[in-house]
Amino acid sequence: MKLLKKGFVSILGTVCAMSMVLSGCSSDKAEVKPADAATTAEAPAAETPAAEAPEVDLSKTVELTWYFIGNGAQEDVAKVEAEVNKYIAENTDLNATVKLNCFDWGTYPDKMQAMISAGEKFDICFTASWANNYTQQSGKGAFVPLNDLLPKYAPKTAELLGADFLSGSQIDGINYAIPANKEKAHQWGLVIRKDIAEKYGMDFSGVKTLADMEPFFKTIKEKEAGMYALEAVIGESPFRLLDFDRIGDERYPGVVWNDSKDMKVFNELEAPETMEFFKAMHQFYNAGYIREDAATVDDYSADQKAGKIFAAVRSLKPGKDAEESNAIGYPFLQVELTPPIMSNRETTGSMQAISRTSENPERALMFLELFNTDPILNNLINFGIEGVHYDKVSDGVIKAGPENAKYNPGSGWMFGNQFVNYLWDNEDPAKWENFKKFNDSSTPTKTLGFVFNADKVKTEIAQCANLWDQYIPAMETGTVDPEKMLPEAIAAFKAAGADTIVAEKQAQLDAWLAAK
């Protein structure tokens, strides 16, 4: 596996610089009065000509419907909605109420696909490269283009994100969603049950690769009946540790290495690193470290909530272990295995889009601006009601309240501007400072901002996606012998047009690099 050397990237954004990204700047502000908040804007806004955007009639009260992914429907959501709507009415001119709809991790993609296909009316939804597919849904016209609206109705949000990050989430120069303001890089590694590790005196200081975990997996297999030593389910397996820089969506071939010198696109299934990884996973499976039916499971949340998982591969960041602990209810620690990399996965990994079916897209964007800049509203939606779902420990620090289990969406990283979130009492007080350092220490991929246009190879992609579902789950979970299956899979992908896809990716990437 190749790893990109650590470097330094500065992400400086101004509303003026953003004019090149958003095709227009504006010093106009939406008629919303968010509370004062310490933001993470990295440069002051500049006064620039106003962009053309519709005027909004705020005299009529509207309801904004928001769909997002998390721990599923919350028992006390109606109580939180009431407080949210009361706060908006008393402290802003938005004249809107908000309806919160949280689907669980396993059902969200299918439910949103069905709603969008049916043309159902709603206002805001979570979208990403991995759920409610941002590229595909944008290509189908599901989301409102935001370039002309952002400078007028969400200028502070755009300033927070910066021009570089916004441009990285564009499709053919258009922003169809707003990225969350959070960590701006990924770093693959493990989250590990801390209480179990302490029970057996485990020391992970020497762990640099997944193979180094084998002795610990062996202990779990032998001494913790009913616990899976390593999580490996469809799409959520350690296969991600190879950290390919993926060109386009998942489930069809064509990647480059993060530290590529020649920017050669290749079929990742043909890489020797892939065979070695699948062989290691097969050894783990045969040793009993992975659940027997892993190749048929695509939702890990039930196992995790039940305390059945000892170690799992996750995209890490400062404090990921504490976030997992708070969301799931078991203590975790984290072990980093790859360096921090900024890629298109991050720019499109957690976003809010406005539906084409929304009757109030400007008002929806104004609400997102308020949510990203007003810490009171932000934390109310994230954590619920003070004294009920959480209690204040100190300024900006909270602990679980008596009714915490009745409202815990568990998705602070997904909602918006994390830098105004409260910290749980078990989190590092320097978490947000560490986030900034983490972002600054990350190295951007050479393809950051490149968006693959799949129009010319749609047939080949559809065929390869079907083959991906047929072959990859069994190999990434270690269920089958890759020395037998992988050659068969490669031949099938070639017959389905994998080489044609790779060639088209290479041609588009070459043209994009030449234009830069």
Protein backbone atom coordinates (compact mmCIF):
# COMPACT_ATOMS: atom_id res chain seq x y z
CA MET A 1 0.00 0.00 0.00
CA LYS A 2 1.29 3.41 -0.91
CA LEU A 3 0.85 6.27 1.53
CA LEU A 4 1.06 9.96 0.79
CA LYS A 5 3.74 11.76 2.80
CA LYS A 6 2.47 14.24 5.32
CA GLY A 7 2.44 17.81 4.16
CA PHE A 8 0.87 21.13 4.79
CA VAL A 9 -2.09 22.68 3.04
CA SER A 10 -3.54 26.04 3.93
CA ILE A 11 -7.23 26.51 3.32
CA LEU A 12 -7.88 30.22 3.17
CA GLY A 13 -11.32 31.31 2.10
CA THR A 14 -12.88 34.68 1.57
CA VAL A 15 -16.18 35.61 0.08
CA CYS A 16 -14.30 37.54 -2.60
CA ALA A 17 -12.14 34.59 -3.56
CA MET A 18 -15.29 32.54 -3.52
CA SER A 19 -16.57 34.54 -6.49
CA MET A 20 -14.52 32.31 -8.76
CA VAL A 21 -16.10 29.27 -7.13
CA LEU A 22 -19.69 30.39 -6.77
CA SER A 23 -19.94 32.64 -9.84
CA GLY A 24 -20.89 35.66 -7.78
CA CYS A 25 -20.29 37.41 -4.43
CA SER A 26 -22.55 39.37 -2.15
CA SER A 27 -22.35 41.43 0.98
CA ASP A 28 -26.12 41.20 1.40
CA LYS A 29 -27.27 39.24 4.42
CA ALA A 30 -30.36 37.08 4.71
CA GLU A 31 -32.95 38.57 7.04
CA VAL A 32 -32.03 36.28 9.91
CA LYS A 33 -30.58 37.34 13.26
CA PRO A 34 -28.34 34.53 14.48
CA ALA A 35 -26.82 34.80 17.93
CA ASP A 36 -23.17 35.80 18.16
CA ALA A 37 -20.88 32.82 17.63
CA ALA A 38 -17.17 32.21 17.52
CA THR A 39 -16.64 30.94 14.00
CA THR A 40 -13.74 29.34 12.23
CA ALA A 41 -13.68 31.66 9.24
CA GLU A 42 -10.10 31.78 8.11
CA ALA A 43 -10.16 35.17 6.42
CA PRO A 44 -12.47 38.18 6.61
CA ALA A 45 -15.21 38.61 4.06
CA ALA A 46 -14.75 41.20 1.33
CA GLU A 47 -17.31 43.60 -0.03
CA THR A 48 -18.17 42.54 -3.57
CA PRO A 49 -21.01 43.02 -6.07
CA ALA A 50 -24.27 41.34 -5.16
CA ALA A 51 -25.23 38.13 -6.93
CA GLU A 52 -28.60 37.79 -8.58
CA ALA A 53 -30.90 35.84 -6.27
CA PRO A 54 -34.63 35.84 -5.66
CA GLU A 55 -36.09 38.08 -2.98
CA VAL A 56 -37.90 36.27 -0.19
CA ASP A 57 -41.28 37.17 1.25
CA LEU A 58 -40.94 36.45 4.97
CA SER A 59 -44.50 37.42 5.85
CA LYS A 60 -45.82 33.88 5.45
CA THR A 61 -44.92 31.14 7.93
CA VAL A 62 -43.59 28.02 6.24
CA GLU A 63 -42.62 24.54 7.46
CA LEU A 64 -39.22 23.22 6.41
CA THR A 65 -38.86 19.46 6.29
CA TRP A 66 -35.37 18.05 6.91
CA TYR A 67 -34.30 14.44 6.38
CA PHE A 68 -30.98 13.19 7.75
CA ILE A 69 -29.14 10.03 8.72
CA GLY A 70 -28.32 8.94 12.27
CA ASN A 71 -29.57 6.74 15.09
CA GLY A 72 -33.09 6.63 13.71
CA ALA A 73 -36.34 8.24 14.87
CA GLN A 74 -35.94 9.78 18.31
CA GLU A 75 -38.64 9.43 20.95
CA ASP A 76 -38.45 13.08 22.02
CA VAL A 77 -38.11 14.62 18.57
CA ALA A 78 -41.45 16.44 18.89
CA LYS A 79 -40.31 18.10 22.12
CA VAL A 80 -37.07 19.22 20.50
CA GLU A 81 -38.91 20.49 17.43
CA ALA A 82 -41.14 22.58 19.66
CA GLU A 83 -38.13 24.20 21.33
CA VAL A 84 -36.40 24.73 17.99
CA ASN A 85 -39.44 26.42 16.50
CA LYS A 86 -39.95 28.54 19.60
CA TYR A 87 -36.34 29.69 19.42
CA ILE A 88 -36.59 30.54 15.71
CA ALA A 89 -39.82 32.49 16.29
CA GLU A 90 -38.44 34.49 19.23
CA ASN A 91 -34.93 35.19 17.95
CA THR A 92 -35.05 35.45 14.16
CA ASP A 93 -37.09 36.88 11.31
CA LEU A 94 -37.06 33.55 9.43
CA ASN A 95 -40.77 32.93 10.14
CA ALA A 96 -40.43 29.19 9.67
CA THR A 97 -40.87 25.97 11.58
CA VAL A 98 -38.71 22.88 11.14
CA LYS A 99 -39.71 19.22 10.94
CA LEU A 100 -36.84 16.86 11.83
CA ASN A 101 -36.79 13.37 10.30
CA CYS A 102 -33.96 10.99 11.23
CA PHE A 103 -33.63 7.63 9.45
CA ASP A 104 -31.19 5.00 10.63
CA TRP A 105 -27.99 4.12 8.80
CA GLY A 106 -29.35 1.02 7.12
CA THR A 107 -32.59 2.44 5.73
CA TYR A 108 -31.74 6.05 4.88
CA PRO A 109 -30.30 5.55 1.36
CA ASP A 110 -33.23 3.46 0.13
CA LYS A 111 -35.86 5.69 1.71
CA MET A 112 -34.38 8.85 0.21
CA GLN A 113 -33.99 7.19 -3.18
CA ALA A 114 -37.66 6.25 -3.12
CA MET A 115 -38.78 9.71 -2.01
CA ILE A 116 -36.70 11.51 -4.62
CA SER A 117 -37.77 9.14 -7.40
CA ALA A 118 -41.41 9.69 -6.46
CA GLY A 119 -40.98 13.48 -6.50
CA GLU A 120 -42.11 13.85 -2.89
CA LYS A 121 -41.97 17.38 -1.50
CA PHE A 122 -39.39 18.15 1.16
CA ASP A 123 -36.85 20.90 1.74
CA ILE A 124 -33.48 19.66 3.02
CA CYS A 125 -31.72 16.31 3.05
CA PHE A 126 -28.38 14.81 3.95
CA THR A 127 -26.36 13.68 0.95
CA ALA A 128 -22.83 12.37 0.55
CA SER A 129 -20.53 10.35 -1.66
CA TRP A 130 -21.57 7.25 0.32
CA ALA A 131 -25.27 7.77 1.14
CA ASN A 132 -28.06 9.35 -0.89
CA ASN A 133 -25.37 9.58 -3.57
CA TYR A 134 -24.52 13.24 -4.14
CA THR A 135 -23.17 12.86 -7.67
CA GLN A 136 -25.98 10.65 -8.91
CA GLN A 137 -28.79 12.64 -7.33
CA SER A 138 -27.34 15.93 -8.56
CA GLY A 139 -27.06 14.48 -12.05
CA LYS A 140 -30.74 13.54 -11.92
CA GLY A 141 -31.69 17.12 -11.02
CA ALA A 142 -32.77 16.24 -7.48
CA PHE A 143 -31.07 19.23 -5.82
CA VAL A 144 -31.20 23.00 -6.23
CA PRO A 145 -28.01 24.65 -7.65
CA LEU A 146 -26.71 26.98 -4.94
CA ASN A 147 -24.09 29.16 -6.64
CA ASP A 148 -26.35 32.20 -6.98
CA LEU A 149 -28.06 31.68 -3.63
CA LEU A 150 -25.11 31.06 -1.30
CA PRO A 151 -23.58 34.58 -1.41
CA LYS A 152 -26.91 36.17 -0.56
CA TYR A 153 -28.58 33.72 1.80
CA ALA A 154 -25.64 31.86 3.37
CA PRO A 155 -22.56 34.12 3.08
CA LYS A 156 -21.19 33.24 6.52
CA THR A 157 -21.49 29.52 5.82
CA ALA A 158 -19.60 29.96 2.56
CA GLU A 159 -16.93 31.97 4.36
CA LEU A 160 -16.58 29.29 7.03
CA LEU A 161 -15.99 26.59 4.45
CA GLY A 162 -13.60 28.50 2.25
CA ALA A 163 -13.31 28.58 -1.51
CA ASP A 164 -11.07 25.50 -1.79
CA PHE A 165 -13.44 23.24 0.09
CA LEU A 166 -16.50 24.53 -1.75
CA SER A 167 -14.84 24.06 -5.12
CA GLY A 168 -13.95 20.50 -4.16
CA SER A 169 -17.65 19.70 -3.76
CA GLN A 170 -18.72 21.15 -7.09
CA ILE A 171 -20.00 19.19 -10.06
CA ASP A 172 -19.11 20.90 -13.34
CA GLY A 173 -18.60 24.13 -11.41
CA ILE A 174 -21.90 23.98 -9.53
CA ASN A 175 -22.49 23.49 -5.79
CA TYR A 176 -25.59 21.36 -5.27
CA ALA A 177 -25.09 21.01 -1.51
CA ILE A 178 -23.31 22.57 1.47
CA PRO A 179 -20.49 20.53 3.04
CA ALA A 180 -20.34 20.23 6.80
CA ASN A 181 -17.68 22.37 8.46
CA LYS A 182 -15.69 19.71 10.28
CA GLU A 183 -12.50 17.74 9.70
CA LYS A 184 -11.40 18.25 6.11
CA ALA A 185 -9.38 15.07 5.72
CA HIS A 186 -9.65 11.34 6.31
CA GLN A 187 -7.28 9.11 8.23
CA TRP A 188 -8.08 5.42 8.25
CA GLY A 189 -7.58 3.45 11.40
CA LEU A 190 -9.31 1.45 14.09
CA VAL A 191 -11.80 2.19 16.84
CA ILE A 192 -11.34 -0.42 19.58
CA ARG A 193 -13.40 -1.27 22.65
CA LYS A 194 -11.38 0.37 25.41
CA ASP A 195 -12.89 -1.60 28.29
CA ILE A 196 -12.12 -4.94 26.63
CA ALA A 197 -8.58 -3.85 25.76
CA GLU A 198 -7.97 -2.81 29.38
CA LYS A 199 -9.44 -6.08 30.62
CA TYR A 200 -6.61 -7.98 28.90
CA GLY A 201 -3.88 -5.34 29.29
CA MET A 202 -3.56 -4.75 25.56
CA ASP A 203 -0.94 -2.26 24.35
CA PHE A 204 -1.46 -0.94 20.81
CA SER A 205 1.59 1.33 20.68
CA GLY A 206 3.30 -1.01 18.23
CA VAL A 207 0.35 -1.36 15.88
CA LYS A 208 1.16 0.12 12.47
CA THR A 209 -0.84 -2.19 10.19
CA LEU A 210 -3.93 -4.35 10.43
CA ALA A 211 -1.70 -7.44 10.53
CA ASP A 212 -0.23 -6.17 13.81
CA MET A 213 -3.66 -6.64 15.41
CA GLU A 214 -3.69 -10.43 14.92
CA PRO A 215 -2.54 -11.33 18.49
CA PHE A 216 -5.29 -9.15 19.94
CA PHE A 217 -7.91 -10.66 17.63
CA LYS A 218 -6.78 -14.11 18.78
CA THR A 219 -7.35 -13.15 22.42
CA ILE A 220 -10.85 -11.91 21.67
CA LYS A 221 -11.70 -15.06 19.74
CA GLU A 222 -10.52 -17.28 22.60
CA LYS A 223 -11.82 -15.32 25.60
CA GLU A 224 -14.82 -13.20 24.54
CA ALA A 225 -17.61 -15.50 23.40
CA GLY A 226 -20.17 -13.77 21.21
CA MET A 227 -17.88 -10.89 20.28
CA TYR A 228 -16.52 -10.34 16.75
CA ALA A 229 -12.83 -9.49 16.88
CA LEU A 230 -12.97 -7.50 13.63
CA GLU A 231 -15.94 -5.86 11.98
CA ALA A 232 -16.14 -6.64 8.27
CA VAL A 233 -19.46 -6.19 6.50
CA ILE A 234 -20.43 -5.11 3.01
CA GLY A 235 -18.97 -1.69 2.24
CA GLU A 236 -17.69 -1.28 5.82
CA SER A 237 -14.67 -3.54 5.71
CA PRO A 238 -10.94 -2.92 6.26
CA PHE A 239 -10.57 -2.79 2.45
CA ARG A 240 -10.57 0.99 2.94
CA LEU A 241 -7.13 0.80 4.54
CA LEU A 242 -5.59 0.53 1.07
CA ASP A 243 -6.76 4.16 0.72
CA PHE A 244 -7.04 4.30 -3.05
CA ASP A 245 -7.82 7.73 -4.46
CA ARG A 246 -11.06 6.76 -6.10
CA ILE A 247 -12.01 8.41 -9.38
CA GLY A 248 -15.79 8.63 -9.41
CA ASP A 249 -18.16 6.64 -7.24
CA GLU A 250 -17.58 3.32 -5.58
CA ARG A 251 -18.56 -0.11 -7.00
CA TYR A 252 -16.69 0.15 -10.28
CA PRO A 253 -12.95 0.16 -11.04
CA GLY A 254 -10.57 3.05 -11.62
CA VAL A 255 -8.29 4.64 -9.00
CA VAL A 256 -4.93 6.36 -8.61
CA TRP A 257 -2.51 6.23 -5.71
CA ASN A 258 -2.54 9.22 -3.38
CA ASP A 259 1.18 9.76 -3.99
CA SER A 260 1.07 8.95 -7.71
CA LYS A 261 3.92 10.39 -9.76
CA ASP A 262 2.49 9.62 -13.20
CA MET A 263 -1.24 9.94 -12.30
CA LYS A 264 -1.94 6.59 -13.91
CA VAL A 265 -5.49 5.33 -13.43
CA PHE A 266 -5.66 1.58 -12.81
CA ASN A 267 -8.10 -1.16 -11.90
CA GLU A 268 -7.63 -1.58 -8.16
CA LEU A 269 -8.61 -5.24 -8.37
CA GLU A 270 -5.48 -5.88 -10.43
CA ALA A 271 -3.15 -4.24 -7.89
CA PRO A 272 -0.96 -6.75 -6.01
CA GLU A 273 -1.83 -4.93 -2.78
CA THR A 274 -5.46 -5.93 -3.28
CA MET A 275 -4.67 -9.62 -3.56
CA GLU A 276 -2.47 -9.46 -0.45
CA PHE A 277 -5.19 -7.69 1.48
CA PHE A 278 -7.92 -10.15 0.47
CA LYS A 279 -5.63 -13.05 1.43
CA ALA A 280 -5.07 -11.54 4.88
CA MET A 281 -8.81 -11.07 5.35
CA HIS A 282 -9.41 -14.68 4.35
CA GLN A 283 -6.93 -15.79 6.99
CA PHE A 284 -8.73 -13.69 9.60
CA TYR A 285 -12.05 -15.18 8.51
CA ASN A 286 -10.76 -18.75 8.74
CA ALA A 287 -9.39 -17.96 12.21
CA GLY A 288 -12.88 -16.97 13.33
CA TYR A 289 -12.19 -13.26 13.86
CA ILE A 290 -14.99 -12.19 11.49
CA ARG A 291 -18.67 -13.16 11.68
CA GLU A 292 -19.51 -16.14 9.46
CA ASP A 293 -22.26 -14.39 7.47
CA ALA A 294 -20.31 -11.14 6.98
CA ALA A 295 -20.73 -11.22 3.20
CA THR A 296 -24.51 -10.88 3.58
CA VAL A 297 -24.54 -8.07 6.17
CA ASP A 298 -24.57 -4.41 5.13
CA ASP A 299 -25.45 -2.68 8.42
CA TYR A 300 -23.04 -2.86 11.34
CA SER A 301 -25.05 -0.65 13.71
CA ALA A 302 -26.99 -3.45 15.40
CA ASP A 303 -23.80 -5.35 16.27
CA GLN A 304 -22.12 -2.20 17.50
CA LYS A 305 -25.02 -1.13 19.69
CA ALA A 306 -25.17 -4.64 21.12
CA GLY A 307 -21.49 -4.45 22.09
CA LYS A 308 -20.46 -7.31 19.80
CA ILE A 309 -17.63 -5.56 17.93
CA PHE A 310 -14.13 -5.33 19.37
CA ALA A 311 -12.39 -3.46 16.52
CA ALA A 312 -13.64 -1.71 13.39
CA VAL A 313 -12.04 0.36 10.65
CA ARG A 314 -13.26 3.95 10.58
CA SER A 315 -12.28 7.28 9.09
CA LEU A 316 -10.57 8.87 12.07
CA LYS A 317 -10.11 12.43 13.29
CA PRO A 318 -9.25 13.99 16.64
CA GLY A 319 -11.73 12.66 19.20
CA LYS A 320 -13.37 10.05 16.97
CA ASP A 321 -13.11 7.54 19.82
CA ALA A 322 -15.06 9.78 22.20
CA GLU A 323 -17.70 10.46 19.54
CA GLU A 324 -18.18 6.71 19.04
CA SER A 325 -18.38 6.22 22.80
CA ASN A 326 -21.08 8.85 23.20
CA ALA A 327 -23.10 7.70 20.21
CA ILE A 328 -23.00 3.98 20.98
CA GLY A 329 -22.68 3.72 24.75
CA TYR A 330 -19.44 1.73 25.02
CA PRO A 331 -15.96 3.23 25.59
CA PHE A 332 -13.63 3.28 22.58
CA LEU A 333 -10.05 4.21 21.79
CA GLN A 334 -8.57 4.84 18.35
CA VAL A 335 -5.44 3.70 16.50
CA GLU A 336 -4.37 5.61 13.37
CA LEU A 337 -3.01 3.53 10.48
CA THR A 338 -2.80 5.98 7.54
CA PRO A 339 -1.81 9.68 7.31
CA PRO A 340 -4.46 12.44 6.99
CA ILE A 341 -5.46 12.99 3.36
CA MET A 342 -7.83 15.60 1.94
CA SER A 343 -9.77 14.17 -0.98
CA ASN A 344 -13.07 14.50 -2.80
CA ARG A 345 -14.38 12.00 -0.26
CA GLU A 346 -14.21 14.71 2.40
CA THR A 347 -15.55 17.58 0.30
CA THR A 348 -18.59 15.44 -0.55
CA GLY A 349 -18.60 13.17 2.50
CA SER A 350 -21.16 15.06 4.61
CA MET A 351 -23.50 17.61 3.03
CA GLN A 352 -26.94 19.17 3.16
CA ALA A 353 -28.82 19.68 -0.10
CA ILE A 354 -32.02 21.53 -0.89
CA SER A 355 -34.58 19.51 -2.79
CA ARG A 356 -35.85 20.57 -6.21
CA THR A 357 -39.32 19.88 -4.81
CA SER A 358 -38.89 22.47 -2.06
CA GLU A 359 -41.38 25.31 -2.31
CA ASN A 360 -39.08 27.53 -0.22
CA PRO A 361 -35.46 26.89 -1.26
CA GLU A 362 -34.26 30.36 -0.23
CA ARG A 363 -35.85 29.99 3.21
CA ALA A 364 -34.29 26.52 3.54
CA LEU A 365 -30.86 27.98 2.80
CA MET A 366 -31.46 30.79 5.27
CA PHE A 367 -32.24 28.17 7.89
CA LEU A 368 -28.99 26.32 7.15
CA GLU A 369 -27.12 29.61 7.47
CA LEU A 370 -28.73 30.14 10.85
CA PHE A 371 -27.99 26.59 11.92
CA ASN A 372 -24.31 26.92 10.96
CA THR A 373 -23.78 30.23 12.75
CA ASP A 374 -26.06 30.17 15.80
CA PRO A 375 -24.62 27.89 18.52
CA ILE A 376 -27.87 27.84 20.51
CA LEU A 377 -29.92 26.49 17.61
CA ASN A 378 -27.11 24.21 16.48
CA ASN A 379 -26.71 22.55 19.87
CA LEU A 380 -30.44 22.32 20.46
CA ILE A 381 -30.83 20.19 17.33
CA ASN A 382 -27.67 18.22 18.02
CA PHE A 383 -28.14 17.48 21.72
CA GLY A 384 -31.73 18.28 22.65
CA ILE A 385 -33.03 20.25 25.62
CA GLU A 386 -30.80 21.33 28.50
CA GLY A 387 -31.80 19.74 31.80
CA VAL A 388 -33.62 16.95 29.95
CA HIS A 389 -31.36 15.39 27.34
CA TYR A 390 -28.14 16.93 28.61
CA ASP A 391 -26.83 18.93 31.57
CA LYS A 392 -24.21 21.67 31.46
CA VAL A 393 -20.92 20.81 33.20
CA SER A 394 -19.27 24.10 32.31
CA ASP A 395 -19.33 26.61 29.49
CA GLY A 396 -19.49 24.57 26.30
CA VAL A 397 -19.17 21.20 28.08
CA ILE A 398 -22.09 18.86 28.72
CA LYS A 399 -22.94 15.44 30.14
CA ALA A 400 -25.85 13.10 29.49
CA GLY A 401 -29.12 14.22 31.05
CA PRO A 402 -31.85 12.06 32.62
CA GLU A 403 -33.63 11.56 29.27
CA ASN A 404 -30.57 11.38 27.02
CA ALA A 405 -31.67 8.07 25.49
CA LYS A 406 -34.84 9.72 24.18
CA TYR A 407 -32.94 12.20 21.99
CA ASN A 408 -29.51 11.25 20.72
CA PRO A 409 -29.28 11.50 16.90
CA GLY A 410 -25.54 10.87 17.17
CA SER A 411 -24.67 12.86 14.07
CA GLY A 412 -22.87 16.05 15.04
CA TRP A 413 -20.30 15.49 12.30
CA MET A 414 -23.09 15.34 9.75
CA PHE A 415 -25.23 18.34 10.64
CA GLY A 416 -23.20 21.43 9.81
CA ASN A 417 -20.66 23.59 11.64
CA GLN A 418 -19.11 21.32 14.28
CA PHE A 419 -16.93 24.11 15.64
CA VAL A 420 -19.90 25.53 17.56
CA ASN A 421 -20.92 22.14 19.01
CA TYR A 422 -20.79 21.49 22.73
CA LEU A 423 -18.24 18.96 23.94
CA TRP A 424 -19.20 15.95 26.04
CA ASP A 425 -17.43 15.79 29.38
CA ASN A 426 -15.35 12.81 28.22
CA GLU A 427 -14.00 14.67 25.17
CA ASP A 428 -10.70 16.50 24.88
CA PRO A 429 -11.19 20.21 25.76
CA ALA A 430 -8.81 21.01 22.89
CA LYS A 431 -10.87 19.02 20.36
CA TRP A 432 -11.66 21.91 18.02
CA GLU A 433 -8.11 23.23 18.19
CA ASN A 434 -6.94 19.73 17.31
CA PHE A 435 -9.39 19.64 14.40
CA LYS A 436 -7.77 22.78 13.03
CA LYS A 437 -4.29 21.26 13.38
CA PHE A 438 -5.51 18.04 11.77
CA ASN A 439 -6.93 19.94 8.80
CA ASP A 440 -3.76 21.97 8.39
CA SER A 441 -1.55 18.88 8.56
CA SER A 442 -3.46 17.01 5.86
CA THR A 443 -2.18 16.59 2.33
CA PRO A 444 -4.59 17.12 -0.58
CA THR A 445 -4.88 14.48 -3.25
CA LYS A 446 -3.77 15.54 -6.70
CA THR A 447 -7.32 14.93 -7.93
CA LEU A 448 -9.01 17.24 -5.41
CA GLY A 449 -11.85 18.96 -7.23
CA PHE A 450 -11.87 16.59 -10.20
CA VAL A 451 -15.31 15.14 -10.94
CA PHE A 452 -15.60 12.19 -13.30
CA ASN A 453 -18.37 12.42 -15.93
CA ALA A 454 -19.70 8.91 -16.40
CA ASP A 455 -22.00 9.62 -19.35
CA LYS A 456 -19.86 7.85 -21.96
CA VAL A 457 -19.53 4.64 -19.94
CA LYS A 458 -22.89 4.31 -18.21
CA THR A 459 -23.50 0.84 -19.62
CA GLU A 460 -20.09 -0.42 -18.54
CA ILE A 461 -20.51 1.11 -15.09
CA ALA A 462 -23.90 -0.52 -14.59
CA GLN A 463 -22.46 -3.89 -15.58
CA CYS A 464 -19.44 -3.47 -13.30
CA ALA A 465 -21.60 -2.31 -10.38
CA ASN A 466 -23.57 -5.54 -10.62
CA LEU A 467 -20.34 -7.53 -10.67
CA TRP A 468 -19.04 -5.56 -7.69
CA ASP A 469 -22.05 -6.68 -5.66
CA GLN A 470 -21.49 -10.23 -6.87
CA TYR A 471 -17.78 -10.57 -6.11
CA ILE A 472 -16.43 -7.92 -3.74
CA PRO A 473 -18.46 -8.54 -0.54
CA ALA A 474 -17.21 -12.11 -0.29
CA MET A 475 -13.58 -11.06 -0.76
CA GLU A 476 -13.53 -7.88 1.34
CA THR A 477 -15.01 -9.79 4.28
CA GLY A 478 -12.58 -12.69 3.86
CA THR A 479 -15.36 -15.20 3.22
CA VAL A 480 -13.76 -16.78 0.13
CA ASP A 481 -10.26 -17.65 -1.09
CA PRO A 482 -9.18 -14.68 -3.26
CA GLU A 483 -6.61 -16.76 -5.10
CA LYS A 484 -9.55 -18.58 -6.62
CA MET A 485 -12.13 -15.80 -6.87
CA LEU A 486 -10.12 -12.66 -7.67
CA PRO A 487 -8.81 -13.86 -11.07
CA GLU A 488 -12.37 -14.84 -11.98
CA ALA A 489 -13.63 -11.44 -10.86
CA ILE A 490 -10.99 -9.56 -12.83
CA ALA A 491 -11.88 -11.49 -15.99
CA ALA A 492 -15.57 -10.76 -15.47
CA PHE A 493 -14.91 -7.04 -14.92
CA LYS A 494 -12.82 -6.88 -18.08
CA ALA A 495 -15.58 -8.54 -20.07
CA ALA A 496 -18.04 -6.00 -18.63
CA GLY A 497 -15.94 -3.04 -19.80
CA ALA A 498 -13.67 -2.22 -16.84
CA ASP A 499 -10.79 -1.33 -19.16
CA THR A 500 -13.05 1.06 -21.06
CA ILE A 501 -14.02 2.78 -17.81
CA VAL A 502 -10.38 3.09 -16.73
CA ALA A 503 -9.43 4.54 -20.13
CA GLU A 504 -12.24 7.10 -19.97
CA LYS A 505 -11.23 8.11 -16.45
CA GLN A 506 -7.63 8.50 -17.60
CA ALA A 507 -8.63 10.68 -20.55
CA GLN A 508 -10.77 12.98 -18.42
CA LEU A 509 -8.17 13.19 -15.67
CA ASP A 510 -5.42 14.00 -18.19
CA ALA A 511 -7.55 16.78 -19.66
CA TRP A 512 -8.34 18.18 -16.20
CA LEU A 513 -4.68 18.13 -15.18
CA ALA A 514 -3.67 19.82 -18.42
CA ALA A 515 -6.28 22.53 -17.90
CA LYS A 516 -4.95 23.21 -14.39
